[in-house]
Amino acid sequence: MVAVAKFGLILREIRRQKGLTQEELAHKAGRSVDAVSQWERAINWPTLKTLVQLSEALEVPVRTFFDVPDAQKSDQRLQMDVEARLLLDSLPDNDLAVALEQLRALTKRR
């Protein structure tokens, strides 16, 4: 059940980062608002076909919903990881290089 709960958190965070309501995502993915709500609350699990539709509606690869290296991460850390991935994916190469340099500098401070 942990995977379903993490999927729901990731789905909700991606939807929010994309600036979509549950209603807008439901419309774009061809599903009901109730279905989106149930996925986000870990009550139900989408089919593979629906996962593909969600990834297309949100303009992210399907793997984004499952790319959780550490299942023990807090919900807050998971939300920040999702936001960071989306932001990094949106950067052009030269800006990504700058962001990487900044991250490297931050990790050296520890």
Protein backbone atom coordinates (compact mmCIF):
# COMPACT_ATOMS: atom_id res chain seq x y z
CA MET A 1 0.00 0.00 0.00
CA VAL A 2 3.01 2.29 0.44
CA ALA A 3 3.51 2.43 -3.32
CA VAL A 4 -0.09 3.54 -3.86
CA ALA A 5 0.21 6.25 -1.19
CA LYS A 6 3.48 7.53 -2.65
CA PHE A 7 1.96 7.49 -6.14
CA GLY A 8 -0.92 9.63 -4.87
CA LEU A 9 1.45 12.16 -3.32
CA ILE A 10 3.55 12.34 -6.47
CA LEU A 11 0.48 12.71 -8.69
CA ARG A 12 -0.91 15.52 -6.52
CA GLU A 13 2.42 17.34 -6.42
CA ILE A 14 2.92 17.13 -10.19
CA ARG A 15 -0.65 18.34 -10.76
CA ARG A 16 -0.11 21.27 -8.39
CA GLN A 17 3.25 22.17 -9.95
CA LYS A 18 1.59 22.19 -13.35
CA GLY A 19 -1.06 24.56 -11.98
CA LEU A 20 -3.97 22.22 -12.60
CA THR A 21 -7.02 21.52 -10.49
CA GLN A 22 -8.29 17.97 -10.10
CA GLU A 23 -11.09 18.88 -12.48
CA GLU A 24 -8.68 20.14 -15.15
CA LEU A 25 -6.50 17.04 -14.87
CA ALA A 26 -9.54 14.78 -15.03
CA HIS A 27 -10.69 16.52 -18.21
CA LYS A 28 -7.23 16.36 -19.84
CA ALA A 29 -6.82 12.67 -18.95
CA GLY A 30 -10.38 11.72 -19.89
CA ARG A 31 -11.22 10.52 -16.39
CA SER A 32 -13.59 11.62 -13.64
CA VAL A 33 -12.74 14.07 -10.88
CA ASP A 34 -13.65 11.35 -8.39
CA ALA A 35 -11.06 9.03 -9.94
CA VAL A 36 -8.32 11.68 -9.68
CA SER A 37 -9.31 12.35 -6.08
CA GLN A 38 -9.20 8.64 -5.24
CA TRP A 39 -5.74 8.22 -6.78
CA GLU A 40 -4.37 11.21 -4.91
CA ARG A 41 -5.82 9.91 -1.62
CA ALA A 42 -4.47 6.38 -2.25
CA ILE A 43 -7.94 4.87 -2.30
CA ASN A 44 -7.61 3.48 -5.79
CA TRP A 45 -4.90 2.72 -8.33
CA PRO A 46 -5.04 3.70 -12.04
CA THR A 47 -4.66 1.18 -14.83
CA LEU A 48 -1.57 1.18 -17.03
CA LYS A 49 -3.57 2.80 -19.82
CA THR A 50 -4.67 5.54 -17.41
CA LEU A 51 -1.09 6.06 -16.23
CA VAL A 52 -0.09 6.74 -19.81
CA GLN A 53 -2.99 9.18 -20.19
CA LEU A 54 -2.00 10.93 -16.95
CA SER A 55 1.61 11.22 -18.07
CA GLU A 56 0.49 12.73 -21.38
CA ALA A 57 -1.93 15.12 -19.68
CA LEU A 58 0.77 16.26 -17.24
CA GLU A 59 3.56 16.17 -19.86
CA VAL A 60 5.85 13.95 -17.76
CA PRO A 61 7.24 10.46 -18.38
CA VAL A 62 5.31 7.62 -16.72
CA ARG A 63 8.43 6.81 -14.67
CA THR A 64 8.02 10.14 -12.86
CA PHE A 65 5.16 8.65 -10.89
CA PHE A 66 7.39 5.86 -9.55
CA ASP A 67 10.84 7.39 -9.37
CA VAL A 68 11.12 7.15 -5.58
CA PRO A 69 14.62 5.94 -4.67
CA ASP A 70 13.89 5.75 -0.94
CA ALA A 71 10.43 4.57 0.07
CA GLN A 72 11.12 5.77 3.63
CA LYS A 73 11.24 9.44 2.63
CA SER A 74 8.90 11.77 4.43
CA ASP A 75 5.95 13.10 2.45
CA GLN A 76 7.47 16.59 2.58
CA ARG A 77 10.80 15.33 1.20
CA LEU A 78 8.98 13.43 -1.54
CA GLN A 79 7.05 16.57 -2.54
CA MET A 80 10.28 18.59 -2.69
CA ASP A 81 11.97 15.87 -4.76
CA VAL A 82 9.11 15.89 -7.26
CA GLU A 83 9.18 19.69 -7.51
CA ALA A 84 12.97 19.67 -7.97
CA ARG A 85 12.74 17.04 -10.73
CA LEU A 86 10.07 19.00 -12.57
CA LEU A 87 12.06 22.22 -12.29
CA LEU A 88 15.28 20.59 -13.46
CA ASP A 89 13.51 18.91 -16.38
CA SER A 90 12.22 22.29 -17.52
CA LEU A 91 15.64 23.97 -17.65
CA PRO A 92 17.63 24.38 -20.86
CA ASP A 93 21.09 22.79 -20.80
CA ASN A 94 23.01 25.96 -19.92
CA ASP A 95 20.71 26.76 -16.98
CA LEU A 96 20.85 23.15 -15.83
CA ALA A 97 24.64 23.40 -15.74
CA VAL A 98 24.38 26.48 -13.49
CA ALA A 99 21.87 24.71 -11.22
CA LEU A 100 24.20 21.72 -10.91
CA GLU A 101 27.09 23.96 -9.92
CA GLN A 102 24.92 25.55 -7.25
CA LEU A 103 23.86 22.13 -5.94
CA ARG A 104 27.47 20.98 -5.83
CA ALA A 105 28.40 24.10 -3.86
CA LEU A 106 25.58 23.44 -1.38
CA THR A 107 26.63 19.84 -0.83
CA LYS A 108 30.22 20.92 -0.11
CA ARG A 109 28.99 23.17 2.72
CA ARG A 110 28.00 20.18 4.81
